[in-house]
Amino acid sequence: MTANRFIYEGYATDELYNELKADSAFPLVRELEFKHGLKVLRRVSTQNKDHRMIDAWLLVNKVGIAIGYAYTENNEGKIDYCFRTPYYKKERGQSNVDRSTLHSNKISSLMATITRHNVIRSINEVVASKLKVIPPLMSQHRESLGKSNKYVEMSANEVHALLLMALGKSPNSEWVKIDQNKCIETLDKWEEADRVARTKVEQGKRFFANPFFLVGVDDKNDFLVGKFRVVSYSEGDVVTETIEPFKRYKSYDEVPDLIPVMTMVKLAFESKETMRKLKCGMPIWDGYDENLDAVFYYGSSPTDFDQVFMATPCPTF
């Protein structure tokens, strides 16, 4: 057996491997690697179902997305093997942690339950859950370009007058009159709304229809990086093409094409007068920065399983 068999690429050390082999949860980790391809990322502290802090092994799939925790507990003198994942919830339990935790004093029983209930989701399912961040990113990008809605700010009589004019009749009667200045003002607003709408379409295609980086940073400052493009978009339903699948990195320095933009992001937000909370140089913020040509979104604060995200066009050179 070697460290690389059980520990994710780039994270294996002799010290971590020896610690893993000596741990009581190693037989469970070994089974999860053999049957589901999960690998250890690191040892972490987390809550158990009784709200006590315990040490656990954070496991990831082959693209580096965190899947769950493996650990053991002492249950009346017997070892209880435990697996917790945010991708599965039992119908009953005392808390969210309890409902997402499966345990047994027999590894074979625990593994059978995991298989029977499809507890460990496929890579495609887990990646799809991460790509759900793309519609909010697209929305943040569109909203930053201005408002394109048209509002009718006229009375019924003014609309009546316009209808008469459209039909070649005179509207200037005692009851139905038209204010030409108001017409000019409304027309200018609507022309601007059309211009903004065209810009949104053009800029949306430029940004998302071409390959873009999708970058996430989690609670431990690890980076999840992939390249994608949007093939079609309709009412929140996004179809994407994977240019390069997700991969986990310890630093953006490991992705040469990301170094320039990430350096500028860090400098830009560190120098803001109103300091936004940063995670490894990335703002925990919803919005688009035109100067950086990068859009940011976070659905929740970063954890071992959740990231703050940024999208930015891939370099064309």
Protein backbone atom coordinates (compact mmCIF):
# COMPACT_ATOMS: atom_id res chain seq x y z
CA MET A 1 0.00 0.00 0.00
CA THR A 2 1.18 3.53 -0.74
CA ALA A 3 0.10 6.96 0.47
CA ASN A 4 -1.15 7.96 -2.99
CA ARG A 5 -3.67 5.14 -2.98
CA PHE A 6 -5.53 6.61 -0.01
CA ILE A 7 -4.63 10.31 -0.05
CA TYR A 8 -5.64 12.80 -2.75
CA GLU A 9 -3.01 13.84 -5.28
CA GLY A 10 -0.78 16.62 -4.00
CA TYR A 11 -1.81 16.19 -0.36
CA ALA A 12 0.04 13.00 0.58
CA THR A 13 2.86 13.15 3.11
CA ASP A 14 4.56 10.37 5.05
CA GLU A 15 3.36 11.94 8.29
CA LEU A 16 -0.29 12.05 7.16
CA TYR A 17 -0.11 8.51 5.79
CA ASN A 18 1.35 7.08 8.99
CA GLU A 19 -1.27 8.93 11.03
CA LEU A 20 -4.02 7.51 8.81
CA LYS A 21 -2.75 3.92 9.03
CA ALA A 22 -2.58 4.13 12.82
CA ASP A 23 -6.12 5.51 13.15
CA SER A 24 -9.04 3.28 14.11
CA ALA A 25 -11.03 4.64 11.14
CA PHE A 26 -8.48 3.40 8.59
CA PRO A 27 -10.39 0.15 7.81
CA LEU A 28 -13.44 2.28 6.90
CA VAL A 29 -11.33 4.68 4.81
CA ARG A 30 -9.82 1.67 3.02
CA GLU A 31 -13.27 0.29 2.15
CA LEU A 32 -14.55 3.68 0.96
CA GLU A 33 -11.51 4.02 -1.30
CA PHE A 34 -11.87 0.50 -2.67
CA LYS A 35 -15.62 0.63 -3.37
CA HIS A 36 -16.22 4.31 -4.09
CA GLY A 37 -12.82 5.78 -4.98
CA LEU A 38 -12.87 8.28 -2.11
CA LYS A 39 -9.53 9.57 -0.87
CA VAL A 40 -8.38 11.38 2.23
CA LEU A 41 -7.74 15.10 1.93
CA ARG A 42 -6.80 15.91 5.51
CA ARG A 43 -7.72 15.36 9.12
CA VAL A 44 -10.25 17.90 10.40
CA SER A 45 -12.28 18.71 13.49
CA THR A 46 -16.04 18.52 13.15
CA GLN A 47 -19.19 17.91 15.17
CA ASN A 48 -20.59 14.47 15.76
CA LYS A 49 -24.29 13.69 16.12
CA ASP A 50 -24.08 14.52 19.85
CA HIS A 51 -22.63 17.98 19.06
CA ARG A 52 -19.20 17.07 20.43
CA MET A 53 -16.09 18.07 18.49
CA ILE A 54 -14.26 15.05 17.12
CA ASP A 55 -11.39 14.35 14.70
CA ALA A 56 -12.42 12.97 11.32
CA TRP A 57 -10.96 12.24 7.90
CA LEU A 58 -12.28 14.53 5.16
CA LEU A 59 -12.81 12.44 2.02
CA VAL A 60 -13.02 13.69 -1.57
CA ASN A 61 -13.88 12.09 -4.90
CA LYS A 62 -11.41 11.83 -7.78
CA VAL A 63 -11.97 15.43 -8.95
CA GLY A 64 -11.37 16.74 -5.44
CA ILE A 65 -14.92 17.61 -4.37
CA ALA A 66 -15.47 16.92 -0.67
CA ILE A 67 -17.95 14.08 -0.10
CA GLY A 68 -17.94 13.28 3.60
CA TYR A 69 -16.25 12.53 6.90
CA ALA A 70 -15.06 9.12 8.10
CA TYR A 71 -14.35 8.57 11.79
CA THR A 72 -14.91 6.23 14.72
CA GLU A 73 -16.45 6.64 18.16
CA ASN A 74 -16.50 4.54 21.27
CA ASN A 75 -19.96 3.08 21.81
CA GLU A 76 -20.12 1.22 25.14
CA GLY A 77 -16.67 -0.22 24.67
CA LYS A 78 -17.13 -1.05 20.99
CA ILE A 79 -15.82 0.83 17.96
CA ASP A 80 -18.61 2.56 16.03
CA TYR A 81 -17.67 3.29 12.40
CA CYS A 82 -19.25 6.54 11.18
CA PHE A 83 -19.72 8.25 7.81
CA ARG A 84 -21.31 11.69 7.45
CA THR A 85 -22.12 13.47 4.20
CA PRO A 86 -24.16 16.57 3.28
CA TYR A 87 -25.45 14.75 0.19
CA TYR A 88 -27.71 12.40 2.17
CA LYS A 89 -30.31 12.87 4.89
CA LYS A 90 -32.16 10.21 6.87
CA GLU A 91 -35.85 10.81 7.48
CA ARG A 92 -35.37 10.86 11.22
CA GLY A 93 -32.74 12.27 13.54
CA GLN A 94 -32.18 14.66 16.39
CA SER A 95 -30.35 17.22 14.24
CA ASN A 96 -29.06 17.82 10.70
CA VAL A 97 -25.74 16.24 11.71
CA ASP A 98 -27.55 13.18 13.08
CA ARG A 99 -29.70 12.81 9.93
CA SER A 100 -26.63 12.98 7.70
CA THR A 101 -24.63 10.42 9.73
CA LEU A 102 -24.64 6.66 9.22
CA HIS A 103 -22.91 4.40 11.72
CA SER A 104 -22.44 0.76 12.68
CA ASN A 105 -20.02 -1.33 14.70
CA LYS A 106 -19.59 -3.49 11.59
CA ILE A 107 -17.96 -1.99 8.51
CA SER A 108 -19.77 -4.48 6.26
CA SER A 109 -23.16 -3.35 7.60
CA LEU A 110 -22.27 0.32 7.20
CA MET A 111 -21.01 -0.17 3.63
CA ALA A 112 -24.17 -2.14 2.74
CA THR A 113 -26.33 0.74 4.02
CA ILE A 114 -24.26 3.28 2.09
CA THR A 115 -24.72 1.27 -1.12
CA ARG A 116 -28.42 0.49 -0.55
CA HIS A 117 -29.37 4.15 -0.02
CA ASN A 118 -27.05 5.55 -2.72
CA VAL A 119 -25.44 7.71 -0.03
CA ILE A 120 -22.31 8.48 -2.03
CA ARG A 121 -23.40 10.40 -5.10
CA SER A 122 -21.78 9.93 -8.50
CA ILE A 123 -19.23 12.44 -9.74
CA ASN A 124 -21.72 13.74 -12.31
CA GLU A 125 -24.34 14.37 -9.63
CA VAL A 126 -21.91 16.16 -7.33
CA VAL A 127 -20.46 18.27 -10.15
CA ALA A 128 -24.00 19.19 -11.24
CA SER A 129 -24.71 20.42 -7.70
CA LYS A 130 -21.66 22.70 -7.91
CA LEU A 131 -22.65 24.01 -11.34
CA LYS A 132 -25.93 25.28 -9.87
CA VAL A 133 -23.89 28.34 -8.96
CA ILE A 134 -23.73 29.39 -12.63
CA PRO A 135 -27.28 30.87 -12.94
CA PRO A 136 -26.72 33.16 -9.90
CA LEU A 137 -23.37 34.22 -11.36
CA MET A 138 -25.06 35.01 -14.67
CA SER A 139 -27.75 36.96 -12.83
CA GLN A 140 -25.17 39.03 -10.93
CA HIS A 141 -23.42 39.78 -14.22
CA ARG A 142 -26.65 40.88 -15.94
CA GLU A 143 -27.82 43.04 -13.05
CA SER A 144 -24.52 44.91 -12.98
CA LEU A 145 -25.13 46.14 -16.55
CA GLY A 146 -28.23 48.16 -15.64
CA LYS A 147 -32.01 47.90 -15.77
CA SER A 148 -33.73 46.81 -18.97
CA ASN A 149 -37.35 46.65 -17.79
CA LYS A 150 -39.92 48.94 -19.34
CA TYR A 151 -42.57 50.56 -17.18
CA VAL A 152 -45.73 52.32 -18.35
CA GLU A 153 -45.76 55.61 -16.48
CA MET A 154 -48.84 57.00 -18.23
CA SER A 155 -52.46 57.40 -17.27
CA ALA A 156 -55.26 55.62 -19.10
CA ASN A 157 -56.16 58.89 -20.86
CA GLU A 158 -52.59 59.30 -22.09
CA VAL A 159 -52.56 55.74 -23.43
CA HIS A 160 -55.96 56.47 -25.02
CA ALA A 161 -54.44 59.48 -26.79
CA LEU A 162 -51.54 57.41 -28.12
CA LEU A 163 -53.94 54.79 -29.46
CA LEU A 164 -55.91 57.47 -31.28
CA MET A 165 -52.72 58.82 -32.82
CA ALA A 166 -51.66 55.34 -33.89
CA LEU A 167 -54.99 55.01 -35.73
CA GLY A 168 -54.59 58.37 -37.43
CA LYS A 169 -57.12 60.21 -35.29
CA SER A 170 -56.71 63.44 -33.37
CA PRO A 171 -56.33 62.95 -29.60
CA ASN A 172 -56.53 66.60 -28.61
CA SER A 173 -60.08 66.70 -27.33
CA GLU A 174 -61.37 68.09 -24.07
CA TRP A 175 -60.93 64.74 -22.35
CA VAL A 176 -58.04 63.07 -24.15
CA LYS A 177 -54.81 64.98 -24.56
CA ILE A 178 -51.18 64.05 -25.06
CA ASP A 179 -48.10 65.58 -23.42
CA GLN A 180 -45.38 65.41 -26.03
CA ASN A 181 -42.61 66.10 -23.51
CA LYS A 182 -43.73 63.11 -21.48
CA CYS A 183 -43.76 61.00 -24.64
CA ILE A 184 -40.19 62.04 -25.45
CA GLU A 185 -39.06 61.30 -21.89
CA THR A 186 -40.74 57.87 -21.87
CA LEU A 187 -39.37 57.03 -25.33
CA ASP A 188 -35.83 57.94 -24.19
CA LYS A 189 -36.18 55.65 -21.16
CA TRP A 190 -37.42 52.77 -23.28
CA GLU A 191 -34.71 53.25 -25.90
CA GLU A 192 -32.14 53.10 -23.10
CA ALA A 193 -33.78 49.95 -21.74
CA ASP A 194 -33.49 48.35 -25.19
CA ARG A 195 -29.83 49.36 -25.38
CA VAL A 196 -29.16 47.81 -21.95
CA ALA A 197 -31.03 44.64 -22.97
CA ARG A 198 -28.87 44.29 -26.09
CA THR A 199 -25.73 44.88 -24.03
CA LYS A 200 -26.79 42.17 -21.56
CA VAL A 201 -27.19 39.66 -24.38
CA GLU A 202 -23.89 40.61 -26.03
CA GLN A 203 -21.89 40.68 -22.79
CA GLY A 204 -23.54 37.51 -21.52
CA LYS A 205 -22.47 35.67 -24.68
CA ARG A 206 -18.96 37.13 -24.50
CA PHE A 207 -18.56 36.04 -20.88
CA PHE A 208 -20.43 32.74 -20.56
CA ALA A 209 -20.78 31.31 -24.08
CA ASN A 210 -16.99 31.19 -24.31
CA PRO A 211 -14.78 29.17 -21.91
CA PHE A 212 -14.60 30.65 -18.44
CA PHE A 213 -12.91 29.68 -15.20
CA LEU A 214 -15.18 28.65 -12.35
CA VAL A 215 -13.19 29.03 -9.15
CA GLY A 216 -14.34 28.09 -5.65
CA VAL A 217 -12.57 28.59 -2.33
CA ASP A 218 -13.58 26.58 0.73
CA ASP A 219 -13.12 27.01 4.47
CA LYS A 220 -9.60 25.52 4.40
CA ASN A 221 -8.48 27.87 1.59
CA ASP A 222 -8.34 25.10 -1.01
CA PHE A 223 -9.25 25.99 -4.59
CA LEU A 224 -11.69 24.07 -6.78
CA VAL A 225 -11.03 25.05 -10.40
CA GLY A 226 -12.67 24.04 -13.67
CA LYS A 227 -13.31 25.46 -17.15
CA PHE A 228 -16.82 25.53 -18.58
CA ARG A 229 -19.01 27.28 -21.11
CA VAL A 230 -22.77 27.80 -21.27
CA VAL A 231 -24.33 26.10 -24.28
CA SER A 232 -27.91 27.23 -23.64
CA TYR A 233 -29.86 29.11 -21.01
CA SER A 234 -33.61 29.35 -20.52
CA GLU A 235 -35.53 30.47 -17.43
CA GLY A 236 -32.78 29.43 -15.04
CA ASP A 237 -32.12 26.10 -16.79
CA VAL A 238 -28.47 26.09 -17.84
CA VAL A 239 -26.79 23.56 -20.11
CA THR A 240 -23.01 23.64 -19.79
CA GLU A 241 -20.09 22.10 -21.61
CA THR A 242 -17.08 21.01 -19.58
CA ILE A 243 -13.85 22.28 -21.10
CA GLU A 244 -11.70 21.10 -18.19
CA PRO A 245 -13.24 19.24 -15.23
CA PHE A 246 -12.97 20.43 -11.67
CA LYS A 247 -9.72 19.78 -9.84
CA ARG A 248 -8.65 20.71 -6.32
CA TYR A 249 -5.54 22.80 -5.70
CA LYS A 250 -3.80 24.05 -2.57
CA SER A 251 -3.16 27.41 -4.23
CA TYR A 252 -4.09 29.27 -7.42
CA ASP A 253 -0.33 29.40 -8.08
CA GLU A 254 -0.75 25.83 -9.36
CA VAL A 255 -2.93 27.15 -12.22
CA PRO A 256 -0.70 29.53 -14.25
CA ASP A 257 -3.57 31.10 -16.24
CA LEU A 258 -5.28 32.08 -12.97
CA ILE A 259 -2.31 33.83 -11.37
CA PRO A 260 -2.78 37.26 -13.08
CA VAL A 261 -6.50 37.62 -12.36
CA MET A 262 -6.31 36.18 -8.83
CA THR A 263 -3.44 38.53 -8.00
CA MET A 264 -5.50 41.49 -9.24
CA VAL A 265 -8.58 40.29 -7.33
CA LYS A 266 -6.61 40.07 -4.10
CA LEU A 267 -5.04 43.51 -4.58
CA ALA A 268 -8.33 45.10 -5.61
CA PHE A 269 -10.34 43.92 -2.63
CA GLU A 270 -7.60 44.27 -0.04
CA SER A 271 -7.35 47.95 -0.96
CA LYS A 272 -11.08 48.67 -0.78
CA GLU A 273 -11.96 51.40 1.71
CA THR A 274 -14.93 49.32 2.80
CA MET A 275 -13.19 46.08 3.58
CA ARG A 276 -15.06 43.00 2.43
CA LYS A 277 -14.32 39.72 4.15
CA LEU A 278 -11.83 37.79 2.04
CA LYS A 279 -11.24 34.06 1.75
CA CYS A 280 -7.74 33.39 0.45
CA GLY A 281 -7.88 36.65 -1.48
CA MET A 282 -11.42 36.13 -2.80
CA PRO A 283 -14.25 38.36 -1.58
CA ILE A 284 -17.27 36.81 0.12
CA TRP A 285 -19.55 38.96 -1.98
CA ASP A 286 -22.26 38.88 -4.65
CA GLY A 287 -21.48 41.13 -7.59
CA TYR A 288 -19.58 41.85 -10.80
CA ASP A 289 -16.37 43.87 -10.96
CA GLU A 290 -16.01 45.42 -14.41
CA ASN A 291 -12.34 46.28 -13.98
CA LEU A 292 -11.48 42.68 -13.13
CA ASP A 293 -14.07 41.20 -15.52
CA ALA A 294 -14.97 38.78 -12.75
CA VAL A 295 -18.28 37.95 -11.10
CA PHE A 296 -18.61 36.64 -7.53
CA TYR A 297 -21.28 34.72 -5.66
CA TYR A 298 -21.70 32.86 -2.39
CA GLY A 299 -24.79 30.91 -1.44
CA SER A 300 -23.50 30.43 2.10
CA SER A 301 -20.35 30.92 4.11
CA PRO A 302 -17.52 28.57 3.04
CA THR A 303 -17.22 25.20 4.79
CA ASP A 304 -15.41 21.94 4.05
CA PHE A 305 -18.16 21.27 1.48
CA ASP A 306 -19.24 24.75 0.31
CA GLN A 307 -17.26 27.38 -1.56
CA VAL A 308 -17.42 31.05 -2.42
CA PHE A 309 -17.28 31.24 -6.22
CA MET A 310 -15.84 33.43 -8.92
CA ALA A 311 -16.24 33.21 -12.69
CA THR A 312 -13.91 34.97 -15.12
CA PRO A 313 -13.28 34.50 -18.88
CA CYS A 314 -10.35 32.29 -19.81
CA PRO A 315 -7.38 34.05 -21.45
CA THR A 316 -7.60 34.00 -25.24
CA PHE A 317 -3.86 34.23 -25.89
